[in-house]
Amino acid sequence: MLPKNRPPTHPGEMLLKEFLEPMKITQVELAHRMQVPIQRINTFINGKRDMTPETAILLSRVLKTTPEFWMNLQTTY
């Protein structure tokens, strides 16, 4: 059941709070592992960029998740 009294969480915030911080991975290190510019990760985490299928695939490879997980977060947002 989805809560109705709060705005949905941006996938970038989920990435930061649920993956990067617990795993102690910096944005720079994630960008390096994904082979993308740091700005791409930073703007995504700051909510200024939406999830793309390409980013979902790259994140799933690095973080051992599925692309569908990331795309579902974006759809819900």
N, C-alpha and C. Protein backbone atom coordinates (compact mmCIF):
# COMPACT_ATOMS: atom_id res chain seq x y z
N MET A 1 0.84 -1.18 0.00
CA MET A 1 0.00 0.00 0.00
C MET A 1 0.89 1.24 0.00
N LEU A 2 0.67 2.13 -0.95
CA LEU A 2 1.48 3.34 -1.05
C LEU A 2 0.97 4.41 -0.10
N PRO A 3 1.88 5.08 0.61
CA PRO A 3 1.44 6.16 1.48
C PRO A 3 0.89 7.31 0.64
N LYS A 4 -0.15 7.95 1.14
CA LYS A 4 -0.79 9.02 0.39
C LYS A 4 -0.48 10.40 0.97
N ASN A 5 0.23 10.45 2.09
CA ASN A 5 0.47 11.72 2.75
C ASN A 5 1.87 12.28 2.54
N ARG A 6 2.62 11.75 1.60
CA ARG A 6 3.96 12.28 1.31
C ARG A 6 4.23 12.18 -0.17
N PRO A 7 5.07 13.07 -0.67
CA PRO A 7 5.42 12.98 -2.10
C PRO A 7 6.28 11.75 -2.35
N PRO A 8 6.22 11.19 -3.57
CA PRO A 8 7.06 10.03 -3.88
C PRO A 8 8.54 10.38 -3.81
N THR A 9 9.34 9.39 -3.55
CA THR A 9 10.78 9.57 -3.44
C THR A 9 11.42 9.47 -4.82
N HIS A 10 12.29 10.43 -5.12
CA HIS A 10 13.01 10.41 -6.40
C HIS A 10 14.00 9.25 -6.39
N PRO A 11 14.17 8.56 -7.52
CA PRO A 11 15.12 7.44 -7.57
C PRO A 11 16.55 7.85 -7.18
N GLY A 12 16.92 9.09 -7.44
CA GLY A 12 18.26 9.55 -7.06
C GLY A 12 18.46 9.57 -5.56
N GLU A 13 17.41 9.94 -4.84
CA GLU A 13 17.50 9.92 -3.38
C GLU A 13 17.60 8.49 -2.87
N MET A 14 16.86 7.59 -3.51
CA MET A 14 16.96 6.17 -3.14
C MET A 14 18.37 5.65 -3.39
N LEU A 15 18.95 6.04 -4.51
CA LEU A 15 20.30 5.62 -4.83
C LEU A 15 21.27 6.07 -3.75
N LEU A 16 21.16 7.31 -3.35
CA LEU A 16 22.07 7.85 -2.35
C LEU A 16 21.86 7.20 -0.98
N LYS A 17 20.62 7.21 -0.50
CA LYS A 17 20.34 6.76 0.87
C LYS A 17 20.36 5.24 1.06
N GLU A 18 19.94 4.50 0.04
CA GLU A 18 19.80 3.05 0.20
C GLU A 18 20.97 2.25 -0.37
N PHE A 19 21.78 2.90 -1.20
CA PHE A 19 22.89 2.16 -1.83
C PHE A 19 24.24 2.79 -1.55
N LEU A 20 24.43 4.03 -1.97
CA LEU A 20 25.76 4.64 -1.86
C LEU A 20 26.21 4.82 -0.42
N GLU A 21 25.37 5.41 0.42
CA GLU A 21 25.77 5.64 1.82
C GLU A 21 26.04 4.34 2.57
N PRO A 22 25.13 3.35 2.53
CA PRO A 22 25.42 2.10 3.24
C PRO A 22 26.65 1.36 2.70
N MET A 23 26.87 1.44 1.39
CA MET A 23 27.99 0.74 0.78
C MET A 23 29.28 1.57 0.84
N LYS A 24 29.16 2.81 1.33
CA LYS A 24 30.30 3.74 1.43
C LYS A 24 30.98 3.94 0.07
N ILE A 25 30.14 4.15 -0.95
CA ILE A 25 30.61 4.44 -2.30
C ILE A 25 30.34 5.91 -2.59
N THR A 26 31.34 6.61 -3.09
CA THR A 26 31.15 8.02 -3.43
C THR A 26 30.51 8.13 -4.82
N GLN A 27 29.99 9.31 -5.11
CA GLN A 27 29.43 9.56 -6.43
C GLN A 27 30.51 9.43 -7.50
N VAL A 28 31.71 9.88 -7.17
CA VAL A 28 32.83 9.80 -8.11
C VAL A 28 33.16 8.34 -8.41
N GLU A 29 33.20 7.51 -7.37
CA GLU A 29 33.51 6.10 -7.56
C GLU A 29 32.43 5.40 -8.38
N LEU A 30 31.16 5.73 -8.09
CA LEU A 30 30.06 5.13 -8.85
C LEU A 30 30.16 5.53 -10.32
N ALA A 31 30.41 6.80 -10.59
CA ALA A 31 30.54 7.27 -11.97
C ALA A 31 31.69 6.54 -12.67
N HIS A 32 32.78 6.34 -11.95
CA HIS A 32 33.93 5.63 -12.53
C HIS A 32 33.55 4.19 -12.86
N ARG A 33 32.87 3.52 -11.94
CA ARG A 33 32.46 2.12 -12.18
C ARG A 33 31.47 2.00 -13.33
N MET A 34 30.61 3.02 -13.48
CA MET A 34 29.62 3.01 -14.56
C MET A 34 30.19 3.55 -15.87
N GLN A 35 31.37 4.15 -15.80
CA GLN A 35 32.02 4.77 -16.95
C GLN A 35 31.16 5.88 -17.55
N VAL A 36 30.64 6.75 -16.65
CA VAL A 36 29.85 7.91 -17.07
C VAL A 36 30.43 9.14 -16.38
N PRO A 37 30.12 10.34 -16.87
CA PRO A 37 30.59 11.56 -16.21
C PRO A 37 29.97 11.72 -14.81
N ILE A 38 30.72 12.27 -13.90
CA ILE A 38 30.25 12.49 -12.53
C ILE A 38 29.00 13.38 -12.52
N GLN A 39 28.91 14.31 -13.45
CA GLN A 39 27.75 15.21 -13.51
C GLN A 39 26.46 14.43 -13.72
N ARG A 40 26.54 13.35 -14.46
CA ARG A 40 25.35 12.53 -14.70
C ARG A 40 24.83 11.94 -13.39
N ILE A 41 25.72 11.45 -12.57
CA ILE A 41 25.34 10.87 -11.27
C ILE A 41 24.86 11.98 -10.33
N ASN A 42 25.59 13.07 -10.29
CA ASN A 42 25.27 14.16 -9.37
C ASN A 42 23.91 14.78 -9.68
N THR A 43 23.63 15.06 -10.94
CA THR A 43 22.33 15.66 -11.29
C THR A 43 21.20 14.68 -11.03
N PHE A 44 21.45 13.39 -11.20
CA PHE A 44 20.44 12.38 -10.91
C PHE A 44 20.15 12.33 -9.41
N ILE A 45 21.19 12.30 -8.60
CA ILE A 45 21.00 12.24 -7.15
C ILE A 45 20.31 13.50 -6.63
N ASN A 46 20.59 14.64 -7.25
CA ASN A 46 19.97 15.90 -6.84
C ASN A 46 18.57 16.10 -7.41
N GLY A 47 18.05 15.10 -8.13
CA GLY A 47 16.68 15.16 -8.63
C GLY A 47 16.50 16.04 -9.86
N LYS A 48 17.58 16.38 -10.52
CA LYS A 48 17.49 17.24 -11.71
C LYS A 48 17.50 16.44 -13.00
N ARG A 49 17.63 15.14 -12.90
CA ARG A 49 17.67 14.26 -14.07
C ARG A 49 16.81 13.04 -13.76
N ASP A 50 16.08 12.57 -14.75
CA ASP A 50 15.26 11.38 -14.59
C ASP A 50 16.06 10.14 -14.95
N MET A 51 15.56 9.01 -14.51
CA MET A 51 16.18 7.73 -14.83
C MET A 51 15.94 7.43 -16.30
N THR A 52 16.99 7.01 -16.98
CA THR A 52 16.86 6.57 -18.37
C THR A 52 17.10 5.07 -18.41
N PRO A 53 16.64 4.41 -19.45
CA PRO A 53 16.91 2.97 -19.54
C PRO A 53 18.40 2.65 -19.50
N GLU A 54 19.21 3.47 -20.15
CA GLU A 54 20.66 3.22 -20.15
C GLU A 54 21.23 3.32 -18.74
N THR A 55 20.83 4.36 -18.00
CA THR A 55 21.30 4.51 -16.62
C THR A 55 20.82 3.35 -15.76
N ALA A 56 19.59 2.92 -15.96
CA ALA A 56 19.04 1.80 -15.20
C ALA A 56 19.87 0.54 -15.42
N ILE A 57 20.26 0.29 -16.65
CA ILE A 57 21.08 -0.89 -16.96
C ILE A 57 22.45 -0.78 -16.31
N LEU A 58 23.07 0.40 -16.43
CA LEU A 58 24.40 0.58 -15.83
C LEU A 58 24.36 0.44 -14.31
N LEU A 59 23.36 1.05 -13.68
CA LEU A 59 23.22 0.94 -12.21
C LEU A 59 23.00 -0.51 -11.80
N SER A 60 22.17 -1.22 -12.56
CA SER A 60 21.88 -2.61 -12.19
C SER A 60 23.13 -3.48 -12.26
N ARG A 61 23.99 -3.20 -13.22
CA ARG A 61 25.24 -3.97 -13.32
C ARG A 61 26.17 -3.69 -12.16
N VAL A 62 26.29 -2.42 -11.78
CA VAL A 62 27.22 -2.04 -10.72
C VAL A 62 26.70 -2.43 -9.34
N LEU A 63 25.40 -2.26 -9.12
CA LEU A 63 24.83 -2.46 -7.79
C LEU A 63 24.14 -3.81 -7.61
N LYS A 64 24.22 -4.66 -8.63
CA LYS A 64 23.63 -6.01 -8.55
C LYS A 64 22.12 -5.97 -8.30
N THR A 65 21.45 -5.09 -9.03
CA THR A 65 19.98 -5.02 -8.98
C THR A 65 19.48 -5.34 -10.39
N THR A 66 18.24 -4.97 -10.68
CA THR A 66 17.71 -5.15 -12.03
C THR A 66 17.39 -3.79 -12.63
N PRO A 67 17.42 -3.67 -13.95
CA PRO A 67 17.01 -2.41 -14.57
C PRO A 67 15.55 -2.08 -14.25
N GLU A 68 14.73 -3.12 -14.14
CA GLU A 68 13.30 -2.90 -13.84
C GLU A 68 13.11 -2.22 -12.48
N PHE A 69 13.96 -2.54 -11.52
CA PHE A 69 13.88 -1.91 -10.20
C PHE A 69 13.99 -0.40 -10.36
N TRP A 70 14.99 0.06 -11.10
CA TRP A 70 15.23 1.49 -11.26
C TRP A 70 14.14 2.16 -12.10
N MET A 71 13.70 1.48 -13.15
CA MET A 71 12.65 2.06 -13.98
C MET A 71 11.32 2.13 -13.23
N ASN A 72 11.04 1.14 -12.37
CA ASN A 72 9.83 1.18 -11.56
C ASN A 72 9.86 2.33 -10.56
N LEU A 73 11.04 2.59 -9.99
CA LEU A 73 11.17 3.74 -9.10
C LEU A 73 10.85 5.04 -9.84
N GLN A 74 11.36 5.16 -11.07
CA GLN A 74 11.10 6.36 -11.86
C GLN A 74 9.61 6.47 -12.21
N THR A 75 9.01 5.37 -12.58
CA THR A 75 7.59 5.37 -12.93
C THR A 75 6.73 5.78 -11.73
N THR A 76 7.06 5.26 -10.58
CA THR A 76 6.32 5.60 -9.36
C THR A 76 6.49 7.05 -8.99
N TYR A 77 7.70 7.58 -9.22
CA TYR A 77 7.96 8.98 -8.92
C TYR A 77 7.13 9.87 -9.82
